[in-house]
Every structure is written in C-alpha cells, then in structure tokens.
Amino acid sequence: MADGYFYREPRATGGRVIGPLTESAFGRIAAREVAMESAWRVLGGSVFKVQTKRRWRAERICTFESFAQLCELCFILLAGAGLLFALQILRLSGELRSTPTSALVILGILAILTLCLLPRTIKVLYSRWTSTSSVVEFGDHDHVV
C-alpha cells in the first residue's frame, strides 16, 4: 500500500476506499466535510488512524468572508420572517375577499415554495459560515496495525 492519506466512504454510498492522497488534498476534502466512515494514514508501511476536528478560530470568524456569509444568512431569515408577516397581515385584513382567485393561487404557491426552500437555504448558508469561520485540524493519533 502506498504512503498517503486514505478514507472510506459511508457504506450507504458504496463504502469505497479513496486514496492515497497528499496531506493538502486530504485537508481540502476534510474541510468540505465530505462524509467519511473512517480515515487513516499509511507511512512507511505503518497504518495510523486519522481523526478530524473542526475548531473555531477568532482570526477566521472576523474575516470578510465570514461576515458576508453571516449577513446572507440574516437576510434570508429576515425574508422568511417578512413573508410570514405579510401573509398574516393579508389574512387579518379584509383584502382576501376582494383579491382575484388566480392571484391568491399564485401567491399561495410562491409562499409554499418559499417556505419549503427556506430551511434548506438556511442549512446551506450555516454550513458555509461554519466552514469559513473555522479550521479543520487532523492528525495521526493511534497506531492501528
């Protein structure tokens, strides 16, 4: 087996072994939070277990990228709250009776689509903010073989 970093995909996706990878290539993959069932390093014929940990770093939290992701997350949350507020105002006012049915159907479809996509968008933006605000550290811990 060649020297380098290896990882196994989850069994649900096939359980393939990926590697050998260089330290920098493995670091990029670990930073993207690729699903790994296990990771190990082969060095000179010896096998070492690799553990990854995400750590928050002050110098990464206060960067332009981190603030941009956080602002985008806040804007999405405000847009969702604004949509709910607008729907509540429309429901409480007497305008529902005077609005054409086709306009209400379109408004209802757009509101349902927005509310369905909002949690996924928030999850994606939160994971982007997490990855820009923290560092994935990995290292050899246990001699396996």
C-alpha atoms as a PDB file:
ATOM      1  CA  MET A   1       0.000   0.000   0.000  1.00  0.00           C
ATOM      2  CA  ALA A   2       1.391   3.410  -0.982  1.00  0.00           C
ATOM      3  CA  ASP A   3       2.088   6.134   1.580  1.00  0.00           C
ATOM      4  CA  GLY A   4      -0.580   8.811   1.967  1.00  0.00           C
ATOM      5  CA  TYR A   5      -3.984   9.557   3.440  1.00  0.00           C
ATOM      6  CA  PHE A   6      -6.983   7.312   2.807  1.00  0.00           C
ATOM      7  CA  TYR A   7     -10.645   7.449   3.753  1.00  0.00           C
ATOM      8  CA  ARG A   8     -13.637   5.158   3.381  1.00  0.00           C
ATOM      9  CA  GLU A   9     -16.957   6.466   2.113  1.00  0.00           C
ATOM     10  CA  PRO A  10     -20.052   5.537   4.134  1.00  0.00           C
ATOM     11  CA  ARG A  11     -21.401   2.074   3.423  1.00  0.00           C
ATOM     12  CA  ALA A  12     -24.695   3.586   2.239  1.00  0.00           C
ATOM     13  CA  THR A  13     -22.855   5.178  -0.707  1.00  0.00           C
ATOM     14  CA  GLY A  14     -20.773   2.144  -1.577  1.00  0.00           C
ATOM     15  CA  GLY A  15     -18.030   2.129   1.045  1.00  0.00           C
ATOM     16  CA  ARG A  16     -15.236   2.757  -1.487  1.00  0.00           C
ATOM     17  CA  VAL A  17     -11.711   3.459  -0.256  1.00  0.00           C
ATOM     18  CA  ILE A  18     -10.354   6.750  -1.588  1.00  0.00           C
ATOM     19  CA  GLY A  19      -6.613   7.346  -1.624  1.00  0.00           C
ATOM     20  CA  PRO A  20      -3.692   7.691  -1.463  1.00  0.00           C
ATOM     21  CA  LEU A  21      -3.999  11.465  -1.041  1.00  0.00           C
ATOM     22  CA  THR A  22      -1.444  14.073  -0.125  1.00  0.00           C
ATOM     23  CA  GLU A  23      -1.793  15.913   3.176  1.00  0.00           C
ATOM     24  CA  SER A  24      -3.040  19.077   1.470  1.00  0.00           C
ATOM     25  CA  ALA A  25      -5.556  17.184  -0.700  1.00  0.00           C
ATOM     26  CA  PHE A  26      -6.896  15.325   2.341  1.00  0.00           C
ATOM     27  CA  GLY A  27      -7.121  18.622   4.245  1.00  0.00           C
ATOM     28  CA  ARG A  28      -9.229  20.185   1.476  1.00  0.00           C
ATOM     29  CA  ILE A  29     -11.565  17.168   1.443  1.00  0.00           C
ATOM     30  CA  ALA A  30     -11.893  17.164   5.241  1.00  0.00           C
ATOM     31  CA  ALA A  31     -12.597  20.930   5.237  1.00  0.00           C
ATOM     32  CA  ARG A  32     -15.507  20.368   2.825  1.00  0.00           C
ATOM     33  CA  GLU A  33     -16.901  17.929   5.390  1.00  0.00           C
ATOM     34  CA  VAL A  34     -17.114  15.026   2.972  1.00  0.00           C
ATOM     35  CA  ALA A  35     -18.832  12.090   4.654  1.00  0.00           C
ATOM     36  CA  MET A  36     -16.130   9.695   5.869  1.00  0.00           C
ATOM     37  CA  GLU A  37     -16.732   6.453   7.684  1.00  0.00           C
ATOM     38  CA  SER A  38     -13.074   6.245   8.689  1.00  0.00           C
ATOM     39  CA  ALA A  39      -9.747   7.816   7.758  1.00  0.00           C
ATOM     40  CA  TRP A  40      -6.196   6.581   8.098  1.00  0.00           C
ATOM     41  CA  ARG A  41      -2.657   7.368   7.032  1.00  0.00           C
ATOM     42  CA  VAL A  42      -0.073   4.937   5.760  1.00  0.00           C
ATOM     43  CA  LEU A  43       3.509   5.963   6.450  1.00  0.00           C
ATOM     44  CA  GLY A  44       6.386   3.629   5.829  1.00  0.00           C
ATOM     45  CA  GLY A  45       4.143   0.570   5.958  1.00  0.00           C
ATOM     46  CA  SER A  46       2.560   1.555   9.292  1.00  0.00           C
ATOM     47  CA  VAL A  47      -1.109   2.485   9.461  1.00  0.00           C
ATOM     48  CA  PHE A  48      -2.311   5.338  11.686  1.00  0.00           C
ATOM     49  CA  LYS A  49      -5.874   6.350  12.446  1.00  0.00           C
ATOM     50  CA  VAL A  50      -6.655   9.951  11.429  1.00  0.00           C
ATOM     51  CA  GLN A  51      -9.137  11.997  13.416  1.00  0.00           C
ATOM     52  CA  THR A  52     -10.577  15.282  12.176  1.00  0.00           C
ATOM     53  CA  LYS A  53     -11.902  18.090  14.351  1.00  0.00           C
ATOM     54  CA  ARG A  54     -13.474  21.419  13.437  1.00  0.00           C
ATOM     55  CA  ARG A  55     -12.210  24.254  15.616  1.00  0.00           C
ATOM     56  CA  TRP A  56     -13.447  27.831  15.689  1.00  0.00           C
ATOM     57  CA  ARG A  57     -10.683  30.352  15.211  1.00  0.00           C
ATOM     58  CA  ALA A  58     -11.030  34.029  16.163  1.00  0.00           C
ATOM     59  CA  GLU A  59      -8.911  35.114  13.210  1.00  0.00           C
ATOM     60  CA  ARG A  60     -11.281  33.254  10.847  1.00  0.00           C
ATOM     61  CA  ILE A  61     -14.536  34.417  12.465  1.00  0.00           C
ATOM     62  CA  CYS A  62     -13.725  38.105  11.933  1.00  0.00           C
ATOM     63  CA  THR A  63     -12.960  37.866   8.221  1.00  0.00           C
ATOM     64  CA  PHE A  64     -14.851  39.477   5.359  1.00  0.00           C
ATOM     65  CA  GLU A  65     -15.935  36.056   4.036  1.00  0.00           C
ATOM     66  CA  SER A  66     -17.352  35.042   7.395  1.00  0.00           C
ATOM     67  CA  PHE A  67     -19.289  38.290   7.793  1.00  0.00           C
ATOM     68  CA  ALA A  68     -20.606  38.004   4.227  1.00  0.00           C
ATOM     69  CA  GLN A  69     -21.968  34.506   4.916  1.00  0.00           C
ATOM     70  CA  LEU A  70     -23.469  35.649   8.211  1.00  0.00           C
ATOM     71  CA  CYS A  71     -25.143  38.680   6.574  1.00  0.00           C
ATOM     72  CA  GLU A  72     -26.572  36.490   3.822  1.00  0.00           C
ATOM     73  CA  LEU A  73     -27.951  34.124   6.461  1.00  0.00           C
ATOM     74  CA  CYS A  74     -29.558  37.046   8.322  1.00  0.00           C
ATOM     75  CA  PHE A  75     -31.110  38.410   5.099  1.00  0.00           C
ATOM     76  CA  ILE A  76     -32.651  35.005   4.322  1.00  0.00           C
ATOM     77  CA  LEU A  77     -34.058  34.784   7.856  1.00  0.00           C
ATOM     78  CA  LEU A  78     -35.474  38.313   7.537  1.00  0.00           C
ATOM     79  CA  ALA A  79     -37.018  37.484   4.155  1.00  0.00           C
ATOM     80  CA  GLY A  80     -38.729  34.423   5.655  1.00  0.00           C
ATOM     81  CA  ALA A  81     -39.998  36.441   8.620  1.00  0.00           C
ATOM     82  CA  GLY A  82     -41.200  39.169   6.241  1.00  0.00           C
ATOM     83  CA  LEU A  83     -43.098  36.626   4.153  1.00  0.00           C
ATOM     84  CA  LEU A  84     -44.818  35.200   7.227  1.00  0.00           C
ATOM     85  CA  PHE A  85     -45.646  38.712   8.425  1.00  0.00           C
ATOM     86  CA  ALA A  86     -47.086  39.690   5.011  1.00  0.00           C
ATOM     87  CA  LEU A  87     -49.227  36.553   4.885  1.00  0.00           C
ATOM     88  CA  GLN A  88     -50.504  37.229   8.396  1.00  0.00           C
ATOM     89  CA  ILE A  89     -51.378  40.856   7.513  1.00  0.00           C
ATOM     90  CA  LEU A  90     -53.162  39.690   4.344  1.00  0.00           C
ATOM     91  CA  ARG A  91     -55.123  37.116   6.331  1.00  0.00           C
ATOM     92  CA  LEU A  92     -56.150  39.564   9.053  1.00  0.00           C
ATOM     93  CA  SER A  93     -57.177  42.350   6.676  1.00  0.00           C
ATOM     94  CA  GLY A  94     -60.319  42.153   4.627  1.00  0.00           C
ATOM     95  CA  GLU A  95     -58.409  42.121   1.328  1.00  0.00           C
ATOM     96  CA  LEU A  96     -58.655  38.360   0.859  1.00  0.00           C
ATOM     97  CA  ARG A  97     -62.287  38.647  -0.159  1.00  0.00           C
ATOM     98  CA  SER A  98     -61.619  41.340  -2.777  1.00  0.00           C
ATOM     99  CA  THR A  99     -58.487  39.715  -4.313  1.00  0.00           C
ATOM    100  CA  PRO A 100     -58.981  37.653  -7.514  1.00  0.00           C
ATOM    101  CA  THR A 101     -58.700  33.883  -7.006  1.00  0.00           C
ATOM    102  CA  SER A 102     -55.887  33.460  -9.559  1.00  0.00           C
ATOM    103  CA  ALA A 103     -53.724  35.995  -7.698  1.00  0.00           C
ATOM    104  CA  LEU A 104     -54.319  34.163  -4.424  1.00  0.00           C
ATOM    105  CA  VAL A 105     -53.376  30.827  -6.008  1.00  0.00           C
ATOM    106  CA  ILE A 106     -50.114  32.250  -7.386  1.00  0.00           C
ATOM    107  CA  LEU A 107     -49.360  33.936  -4.058  1.00  0.00           C
ATOM    108  CA  GLY A 108     -50.102  30.691  -2.197  1.00  0.00           C
ATOM    109  CA  ILE A 109     -47.860  28.616  -4.488  1.00  0.00           C
ATOM    110  CA  LEU A 110     -44.981  31.099  -4.148  1.00  0.00           C
ATOM    111  CA  ALA A 111     -45.392  31.234  -0.376  1.00  0.00           C
ATOM    112  CA  ILE A 112     -45.400  27.423  -0.064  1.00  0.00           C
ATOM    113  CA  LEU A 113     -42.325  27.095  -2.309  1.00  0.00           C
ATOM    114  CA  THR A 114     -40.503  29.771  -0.343  1.00  0.00           C
ATOM    115  CA  LEU A 115     -41.337  28.169   2.994  1.00  0.00           C
ATOM    116  CA  CYS A 116     -40.259  24.741   1.703  1.00  0.00           C
ATOM    117  CA  LEU A 117     -36.926  26.007   0.378  1.00  0.00           C
ATOM    118  CA  LEU A 118     -36.151  28.260   3.331  1.00  0.00           C
ATOM    119  CA  PRO A 119     -34.875  25.548   5.758  1.00  0.00           C
ATOM    120  CA  ARG A 120     -32.535  24.058   3.135  1.00  0.00           C
ATOM    121  CA  THR A 121     -31.180  27.506   2.268  1.00  0.00           C
ATOM    122  CA  ILE A 122     -30.587  28.268   5.942  1.00  0.00           C
ATOM    123  CA  LYS A 123     -28.764  24.935   6.382  1.00  0.00           C
ATOM    124  CA  VAL A 124     -26.518  25.577   3.364  1.00  0.00           C
ATOM    125  CA  LEU A 125     -25.695  29.127   4.468  1.00  0.00           C
ATOM    126  CA  TYR A 126     -24.981  27.976   8.031  1.00  0.00           C
ATOM    127  CA  SER A 127     -22.595  25.273   6.791  1.00  0.00           C
ATOM    128  CA  ARG A 128     -20.826  27.819   4.551  1.00  0.00           C
ATOM    129  CA  TRP A 129     -20.469  30.197   7.502  1.00  0.00           C
ATOM    130  CA  THR A 130     -19.164  27.347   9.674  1.00  0.00           C
ATOM    131  CA  SER A 131     -16.570  26.347   7.089  1.00  0.00           C
ATOM    132  CA  THR A 132     -15.345  29.918   6.563  1.00  0.00           C
ATOM    133  CA  SER A 133     -15.202  30.648  10.311  1.00  0.00           C
ATOM    134  CA  SER A 134     -13.346  27.543  11.426  1.00  0.00           C
ATOM    135  CA  VAL A 135     -10.443  25.297  10.572  1.00  0.00           C
ATOM    136  CA  VAL A 136     -10.423  21.519  10.232  1.00  0.00           C
ATOM    137  CA  GLU A 137      -7.456  20.030  12.028  1.00  0.00           C
ATOM    138  CA  PHE A 138      -6.423  16.451  11.564  1.00  0.00           C
ATOM    139  CA  GLY A 139      -3.625  14.365  12.851  1.00  0.00           C
ATOM    140  CA  ASP A 140      -2.340  10.850  13.389  1.00  0.00           C
ATOM    141  CA  HIS A 141      -3.434   9.535  16.757  1.00  0.00           C
ATOM    142  CA  ASP A 142      -3.399   5.786  17.131  1.00  0.00           C
ATOM    143  CA  HIS A 143      -1.104   3.238  15.620  1.00  0.00           C
ATOM    144  CA  VAL A 144      -3.598   0.762  14.133  1.00  0.00           C
ATOM    145  CA  VAL A 145      -1.592  -2.200  12.864  1.00  0.00           C
END
